[in-house]
């Protein structure tokens, strides 16, 4: 599971694999699946949209402002 701050997910080049998560996963016996890096990047790229949906559900102005900034 990625534990990166959601506010950084929209930044180009930031994803779970860049923080050493893949190395830890492999060291603990995990297998590197084909295109794992691509899948992680795609998941990270979708994070702002997921956050925006959450912000709409909460109705909190602060959440909406953060979501708008991520989507800009």
N, C-alpha and C. Protein backbone atom coordinates (compact mmCIF):
# COMPACT_ATOMS: atom_id res chain seq x y z
N UNK A 1 0.84 -1.18 0.00
CA UNK A 1 0.00 0.00 0.00
C UNK A 1 0.88 1.24 0.00
N UNK A 2 0.50 2.20 -0.78
CA UNK A 2 1.26 3.44 -0.84
C UNK A 2 0.87 4.32 0.33
N UNK A 3 1.87 4.88 1.00
CA UNK A 3 1.58 5.73 2.14
C UNK A 3 2.00 7.17 1.89
N UNK A 4 2.20 7.55 0.64
CA UNK A 4 2.59 8.92 0.33
C UNK A 4 1.44 9.86 0.61
N UNK A 5 1.77 11.09 0.93
CA UNK A 5 0.79 12.13 1.16
C UNK A 5 0.01 12.36 -0.14
N UNK A 6 -1.30 12.36 -0.06
CA UNK A 6 -2.13 12.51 -1.25
C UNK A 6 -1.88 13.83 -1.97
N UNK A 7 -1.42 14.85 -1.27
CA UNK A 7 -1.19 16.14 -1.91
C UNK A 7 -0.04 16.11 -2.91
N UNK A 8 0.84 15.12 -2.83
CA UNK A 8 1.96 15.04 -3.76
C UNK A 8 1.68 14.10 -4.92
N UNK A 9 0.57 13.42 -4.91
CA UNK A 9 0.29 12.43 -5.93
C UNK A 9 0.17 13.02 -7.33
N UNK A 10 -0.22 14.27 -7.44
CA UNK A 10 -0.40 14.87 -8.76
C UNK A 10 0.91 15.34 -9.37
N UNK A 11 1.98 15.36 -8.60
CA UNK A 11 3.26 15.84 -9.11
C UNK A 11 3.84 14.82 -10.08
N UNK A 12 4.28 15.27 -11.25
CA UNK A 12 4.88 14.34 -12.22
C UNK A 12 6.07 13.61 -11.63
N UNK A 13 6.15 12.34 -11.90
CA UNK A 13 7.28 11.55 -11.44
C UNK A 13 7.20 11.07 -10.01
N UNK A 14 6.14 11.40 -9.28
CA UNK A 14 6.03 10.92 -7.91
C UNK A 14 5.06 9.75 -7.88
N UNK A 15 5.52 8.66 -7.38
CA UNK A 15 4.67 7.50 -7.23
C UNK A 15 5.29 6.59 -6.19
N UNK A 16 4.61 5.55 -5.84
CA UNK A 16 5.05 4.66 -4.77
C UNK A 16 6.43 4.07 -5.01
N UNK A 17 6.75 3.79 -6.25
CA UNK A 17 8.01 3.12 -6.53
C UNK A 17 9.22 4.02 -6.32
N UNK A 18 9.03 5.32 -6.41
CA UNK A 18 10.17 6.22 -6.27
C UNK A 18 10.66 6.32 -4.83
N UNK A 19 9.89 5.85 -3.87
CA UNK A 19 10.28 5.98 -2.47
C UNK A 19 10.93 4.71 -1.93
N UNK A 20 11.26 3.77 -2.79
CA UNK A 20 11.89 2.54 -2.32
C UNK A 20 10.91 1.45 -1.95
N UNK A 21 9.64 1.68 -2.18
CA UNK A 21 8.63 0.69 -1.83
C UNK A 21 8.83 -0.61 -2.59
N UNK A 22 9.19 -0.50 -3.87
CA UNK A 22 9.39 -1.70 -4.68
C UNK A 22 10.52 -2.56 -4.11
N UNK A 23 11.62 -1.94 -3.73
CA UNK A 23 12.75 -2.69 -3.17
C UNK A 23 12.33 -3.42 -1.91
N UNK A 24 11.61 -2.74 -1.04
CA UNK A 24 11.15 -3.38 0.20
C UNK A 24 10.19 -4.53 -0.11
N UNK A 25 9.33 -4.32 -1.08
CA UNK A 25 8.37 -5.36 -1.48
C UNK A 25 9.11 -6.59 -1.99
N UNK A 26 10.11 -6.38 -2.85
CA UNK A 26 10.87 -7.50 -3.41
C UNK A 26 11.70 -8.19 -2.33
N UNK A 27 12.29 -7.42 -1.43
CA UNK A 27 13.09 -8.00 -0.35
C UNK A 27 12.26 -8.86 0.60
N UNK A 28 10.98 -8.54 0.71
CA UNK A 28 10.11 -9.31 1.60
C UNK A 28 9.46 -10.50 0.90
N UNK A 29 9.91 -10.77 -0.34
CA UNK A 29 9.42 -11.95 -1.04
C UNK A 29 8.40 -11.69 -2.12
N UNK A 30 8.08 -10.43 -2.37
CA UNK A 30 7.12 -10.11 -3.42
C UNK A 30 7.70 -10.34 -4.80
N UNK A 31 6.82 -10.50 -5.78
CA UNK A 31 7.26 -10.68 -7.16
C UNK A 31 7.03 -9.39 -7.92
N UNK A 32 7.96 -9.09 -8.81
CA UNK A 32 7.78 -7.91 -9.66
C UNK A 32 6.95 -8.33 -10.87
N UNK A 33 5.74 -7.87 -10.92
CA UNK A 33 4.83 -8.21 -12.01
C UNK A 33 5.16 -7.36 -13.24
N UNK A 34 4.85 -7.88 -14.43
CA UNK A 34 5.09 -7.09 -15.64
C UNK A 34 4.35 -5.75 -15.55
N UNK A 35 5.04 -4.69 -15.94
CA UNK A 35 4.46 -3.35 -15.99
C UNK A 35 4.01 -2.83 -14.63
N UNK A 36 4.63 -3.31 -13.55
CA UNK A 36 4.26 -2.87 -12.21
C UNK A 36 4.47 -1.36 -12.06
N UNK A 37 5.57 -0.86 -12.56
CA UNK A 37 5.85 0.57 -12.45
C UNK A 37 4.78 1.39 -13.17
N UNK A 38 4.37 0.94 -14.36
CA UNK A 38 3.32 1.63 -15.10
C UNK A 38 2.02 1.64 -14.33
N UNK A 39 1.68 0.52 -13.74
CA UNK A 39 0.44 0.43 -12.98
C UNK A 39 0.45 1.37 -11.78
N UNK A 40 1.59 1.45 -11.13
CA UNK A 40 1.71 2.33 -9.98
C UNK A 40 1.60 3.79 -10.41
N UNK A 41 2.25 4.14 -11.52
CA UNK A 41 2.17 5.50 -12.02
C UNK A 41 0.74 5.86 -12.43
N UNK A 42 0.04 4.93 -13.05
CA UNK A 42 -1.35 5.18 -13.44
C UNK A 42 -2.23 5.37 -12.21
N UNK A 43 -1.99 4.58 -11.21
CA UNK A 43 -2.75 4.72 -9.97
C UNK A 43 -2.48 6.08 -9.33
N UNK A 44 -1.23 6.49 -9.30
CA UNK A 44 -0.87 7.78 -8.73
C UNK A 44 -1.47 8.92 -9.56
N UNK A 45 -1.50 8.76 -10.88
CA UNK A 45 -2.06 9.80 -11.74
C UNK A 45 -3.56 9.97 -11.51
N UNK A 46 -4.24 8.91 -11.10
CA UNK A 46 -5.68 8.98 -10.85
C UNK A 46 -6.01 9.52 -9.45
N UNK A 47 -5.02 9.64 -8.60
CA UNK A 47 -5.25 10.05 -7.21
C UNK A 47 -5.96 11.41 -7.09
N UNK A 48 -5.61 12.42 -7.89
CA UNK A 48 -6.33 13.69 -7.76
C UNK A 48 -7.82 13.56 -8.05
N UNK A 49 -8.17 12.73 -9.01
CA UNK A 49 -9.59 12.53 -9.31
C UNK A 49 -10.29 11.84 -8.15
N UNK A 50 -9.66 10.83 -7.59
CA UNK A 50 -10.22 10.13 -6.43
C UNK A 50 -10.41 11.10 -5.27
N UNK A 51 -9.40 11.95 -5.06
CA UNK A 51 -9.50 12.93 -3.97
C UNK A 51 -10.62 13.92 -4.24
N UNK A 52 -10.78 14.33 -5.50
CA UNK A 52 -11.85 15.26 -5.86
C UNK A 52 -13.22 14.67 -5.57
N UNK A 53 -13.40 13.41 -5.88
CA UNK A 53 -14.68 12.75 -5.56
C UNK A 53 -14.93 12.73 -4.06
N UNK A 54 -13.88 12.45 -3.29
CA UNK A 54 -13.98 12.49 -1.84
C UNK A 54 -14.37 13.90 -1.37
N UNK A 55 -13.72 14.91 -1.94
CA UNK A 55 -13.99 16.28 -1.54
C UNK A 55 -15.44 16.66 -1.82
N UNK A 56 -15.96 16.22 -2.94
CA UNK A 56 -17.36 16.50 -3.26
C UNK A 56 -18.30 15.84 -2.25
N UNK A 57 -17.96 14.65 -1.81
CA UNK A 57 -18.80 13.95 -0.84
C UNK A 57 -18.77 14.63 0.52
N UNK A 58 -17.63 15.15 0.92
CA UNK A 58 -17.54 15.79 2.24
C UNK A 58 -18.21 17.14 2.25
N UNK A 59 -18.14 17.84 1.12
CA UNK A 59 -18.70 19.18 1.06
C UNK A 59 -17.87 20.23 1.79
N UNK A 60 -16.72 19.85 2.31
CA UNK A 60 -15.86 20.77 3.05
C UNK A 60 -15.13 21.70 2.08
N UNK A 61 -15.22 23.02 2.29
CA UNK A 61 -14.54 23.96 1.39
C UNK A 61 -13.02 23.73 1.30
N UNK A 62 -12.39 23.37 2.40
CA UNK A 62 -10.94 23.14 2.39
C UNK A 62 -10.59 21.93 1.51
N UNK A 63 -11.39 20.89 1.60
CA UNK A 63 -11.17 19.70 0.78
C UNK A 63 -11.36 20.03 -0.69
N UNK A 64 -12.38 20.81 -0.98
CA UNK A 64 -12.64 21.19 -2.37
C UNK A 64 -11.53 22.05 -2.93
N UNK A 65 -11.00 22.95 -2.14
CA UNK A 65 -9.90 23.81 -2.58
C UNK A 65 -8.65 22.97 -2.88
N UNK A 66 -8.36 22.01 -2.02
CA UNK A 66 -7.21 21.15 -2.24
C UNK A 66 -7.40 20.32 -3.50
N UNK A 67 -8.60 19.79 -3.68
CA UNK A 67 -8.89 18.99 -4.88
C UNK A 67 -8.76 19.85 -6.14
N UNK A 68 -9.27 21.06 -6.09
CA UNK A 68 -9.16 21.94 -7.25
C UNK A 68 -7.71 22.23 -7.60
N UNK A 69 -6.88 22.43 -6.58
CA UNK A 69 -5.45 22.69 -6.81
C UNK A 69 -4.78 21.48 -7.44
N UNK A 70 -5.15 20.28 -7.00
CA UNK A 70 -4.55 19.07 -7.56
C UNK A 70 -4.97 18.84 -9.01
N UNK A 71 -6.19 19.25 -9.34
CA UNK A 71 -6.70 19.03 -10.69
C UNK A 71 -6.27 20.12 -11.67
N UNK A 72 -5.76 21.22 -11.16
CA UNK A 72 -5.37 22.34 -12.03
C UNK A 72 -4.14 22.03 -12.85
